[in-house]
Amino acid sequence: MSQMPDEEQFQFDKSALVQEEVFTDMRSGQIRRLTPLTVSGEVDTSQPVRYVGQTQVMTNAGALPLSFELEVDSLEAACDAFGDAAKKALEDTMEELKRLQREAQSSIMVPGQEGGRGGGMGNMGGPGAGGMPGGGIKL
C-alpha cells in the first residue's frame, strides 16, 4: 500500500522565494541566476544572488549530470568561473563514485572471510578458503 505524502510536504515556503533565470552558451552548459524575492515579488536585497552552474559529461554509462555552486557576484564572473567549477565538480563526483564503489565491494560476502578460517583477501583461493573446492571466489 502506498503512503500518501503529508500536507506539510506541499506547503510553499514563502520565505525562500527566488526568481530563476537560465543562461546558456548552447555548448558547455547552463548558469542559473537565483535572485531572492520577498513575498510581494520585490528583490530581497538582504540576501545574496546565487549562481549555479549545470552541465553534463558523457560516460560509458550515459550522461552524468553535474550541478555546482558558483561563488561569484555577477553573471560575467559566473561565466569566467564556470570551467574551473565544472572540472572540480567532476573530480568531486568521480571521487564520491569511487568511494561508493569501495564501500559496495567491501560489503560483498566472500567465502572464507567469515570468522577466523584464515580466508582473508590475501589468502583467497588457498586451503581453508571457505571449504569450497578450488578455494572459493577469486576477484
Protein backbone atom coordinates (compact mmCIF):
# COMPACT_ATOMS: atom_id res chain seq x y z
CA MET A 1 0.00 0.00 0.00
CA SER A 2 1.48 3.38 -0.96
CA GLN A 3 1.80 6.06 1.65
CA MET A 4 0.22 9.46 1.00
CA PRO A 5 2.53 12.46 1.48
CA ASP A 6 1.63 14.68 4.39
CA GLU A 7 0.16 18.13 3.83
CA GLU A 8 3.32 19.88 5.05
CA GLN A 9 5.27 18.46 2.12
CA PHE A 10 3.15 20.56 -0.25
CA GLN A 11 3.37 23.83 1.70
CA PHE A 12 5.04 26.57 -0.32
CA ASP A 13 7.85 28.28 1.63
CA LYS A 14 7.17 32.00 1.15
CA SER A 15 10.39 32.88 2.98
CA ALA A 16 12.56 31.11 0.36
CA LEU A 17 11.27 32.63 -2.87
CA VAL A 18 13.75 33.11 -5.71
CA GLN A 19 13.38 34.22 -9.29
CA GLU A 20 15.27 31.83 -11.55
CA GLU A 21 16.88 32.94 -14.80
CA VAL A 22 18.72 30.50 -17.05
CA PHE A 23 21.63 31.46 -19.30
CA THR A 24 23.31 29.12 -21.77
CA ASP A 25 26.04 29.25 -24.37
CA MET A 26 24.34 26.32 -26.18
CA ARG A 27 27.59 24.34 -25.82
CA SER A 28 29.04 23.95 -22.34
CA GLY A 29 26.00 24.10 -20.12
CA GLN A 30 23.80 26.48 -18.20
CA ILE A 31 24.14 29.07 -15.49
CA ARG A 32 21.13 29.65 -13.26
CA ARG A 33 20.84 33.01 -11.52
CA LEU A 34 18.71 32.74 -8.39
CA THR A 35 17.55 36.15 -7.19
CA PRO A 36 15.88 36.18 -3.74
CA LEU A 37 12.42 37.77 -3.60
CA THR A 38 10.08 38.97 -0.92
CA VAL A 39 6.58 37.52 -0.79
CA SER A 40 5.37 40.66 -2.63
CA GLY A 41 7.69 39.83 -5.55
CA GLU A 42 10.27 42.55 -4.89
CA VAL A 43 14.00 41.75 -4.93
CA ASP A 44 15.13 40.88 -1.40
CA THR A 45 18.38 42.84 -1.09
CA SER A 46 19.10 41.35 2.35
CA GLN A 47 20.05 38.04 0.69
CA PRO A 48 22.74 37.43 -1.94
CA VAL A 49 22.01 36.46 -5.54
CA ARG A 50 23.25 32.92 -6.15
CA TYR A 51 24.69 31.43 -9.33
CA VAL A 52 24.55 27.69 -10.05
CA GLY A 53 26.31 26.01 -12.97
CA GLN A 54 24.97 22.90 -14.67
CA THR A 55 26.49 20.67 -17.32
CA GLN A 56 26.78 17.01 -18.20
CA VAL A 57 29.61 14.70 -19.10
CA MET A 58 29.16 11.67 -21.34
CA THR A 59 30.36 8.40 -19.80
CA ASN A 60 30.15 4.74 -20.80
CA ALA A 61 27.01 4.53 -18.64
CA GLY A 62 25.41 7.59 -20.27
CA ALA A 63 25.18 11.25 -19.37
CA LEU A 64 26.42 12.25 -15.91
CA PRO A 65 24.72 15.49 -14.80
CA LEU A 66 26.79 17.95 -12.76
CA SER A 67 25.46 20.86 -10.73
CA PHE A 68 27.70 23.21 -8.78
CA GLU A 69 27.56 26.47 -6.89
CA LEU A 70 29.49 29.37 -8.40
CA GLU A 71 30.84 31.61 -5.61
CA VAL A 72 30.62 34.86 -7.58
CA ASP A 73 28.65 38.10 -7.58
CA SER A 74 27.89 38.71 -11.26
CA LEU A 75 26.90 36.86 -14.41
CA GLU A 76 30.22 37.75 -16.06
CA ALA A 77 32.14 36.30 -13.11
CA ALA A 78 29.92 33.19 -13.26
CA CYS A 79 30.82 32.73 -16.94
CA ASP A 80 34.51 33.08 -16.11
CA ALA A 81 34.32 30.63 -13.16
CA PHE A 82 32.20 28.02 -14.97
CA GLY A 83 35.01 25.89 -16.48
CA ASP A 84 37.09 25.50 -13.33
CA ALA A 85 34.00 24.86 -11.18
CA ALA A 86 32.75 22.21 -13.64
CA LYS A 87 36.12 20.43 -13.56
CA LYS A 88 36.12 20.50 -9.75
CA ALA A 89 32.54 19.16 -9.63
CA LEU A 90 33.53 16.32 -11.98
CA GLU A 91 36.59 15.45 -9.85
CA ASP A 92 34.48 15.51 -6.66
CA THR A 93 31.80 13.35 -8.28
CA MET A 94 34.33 10.80 -9.53
CA GLU A 95 35.92 10.58 -6.06
CA GLU A 96 32.49 10.06 -4.50
CA LEU A 97 31.67 7.33 -7.03
CA LYS A 98 34.98 5.59 -6.27
CA ARG A 99 34.25 5.80 -2.53
CA LEU A 100 30.78 4.32 -3.01
CA GLN A 101 32.25 1.56 -5.18
CA ARG A 102 34.83 0.71 -2.50
CA GLU A 103 32.09 0.59 0.14
CA ALA A 104 29.96 -1.68 -2.04
CA GLN A 105 32.89 -4.00 -2.72
CA SER A 106 33.84 -4.21 0.95
CA SER A 107 30.30 -5.26 1.86
CA ILE A 108 30.30 -8.24 -0.53
CA MET A 109 30.36 -11.52 1.39
CA VAL A 110 33.12 -13.76 0.04
CA PRO A 111 33.52 -17.38 1.12
CA GLY A 112 36.41 -17.69 3.55
CA GLN A 113 36.01 -14.22 5.04
CA GLU A 114 33.52 -15.19 7.71
CA GLY A 115 35.19 -15.76 11.08
CA GLY A 116 38.78 -16.97 11.68
CA ARG A 117 39.28 -19.57 8.95
CA GLY A 118 42.27 -17.76 7.52
CA GLY A 119 40.45 -16.80 4.30
CA GLY A 120 41.13 -13.04 4.13
CA MET A 121 41.62 -11.14 0.89
CA GLY A 122 45.31 -12.03 0.70
CA ASN A 123 44.60 -15.75 1.06
CA MET A 124 41.80 -16.14 -1.48
CA GLY A 125 41.97 -19.48 -3.24
CA GLY A 126 44.23 -21.24 -0.77
CA PRO A 127 43.38 -24.09 1.59
CA GLY A 128 40.68 -23.20 4.07
CA ALA A 129 39.16 -20.51 1.90
CA GLY A 130 35.57 -21.27 2.73
CA GLY A 131 35.88 -25.02 2.32
CA MET A 132 34.90 -24.79 -1.35
CA PRO A 133 36.69 -26.88 -3.96
CA GLY A 134 39.14 -24.68 -5.83
CA GLY A 135 39.38 -22.24 -2.95
CA GLY A 136 36.22 -20.11 -3.38
CA ILE A 137 35.62 -16.98 -5.40
CA LYS A 138 38.53 -15.11 -6.93
CA LEU A 139 38.24 -11.38 -7.69
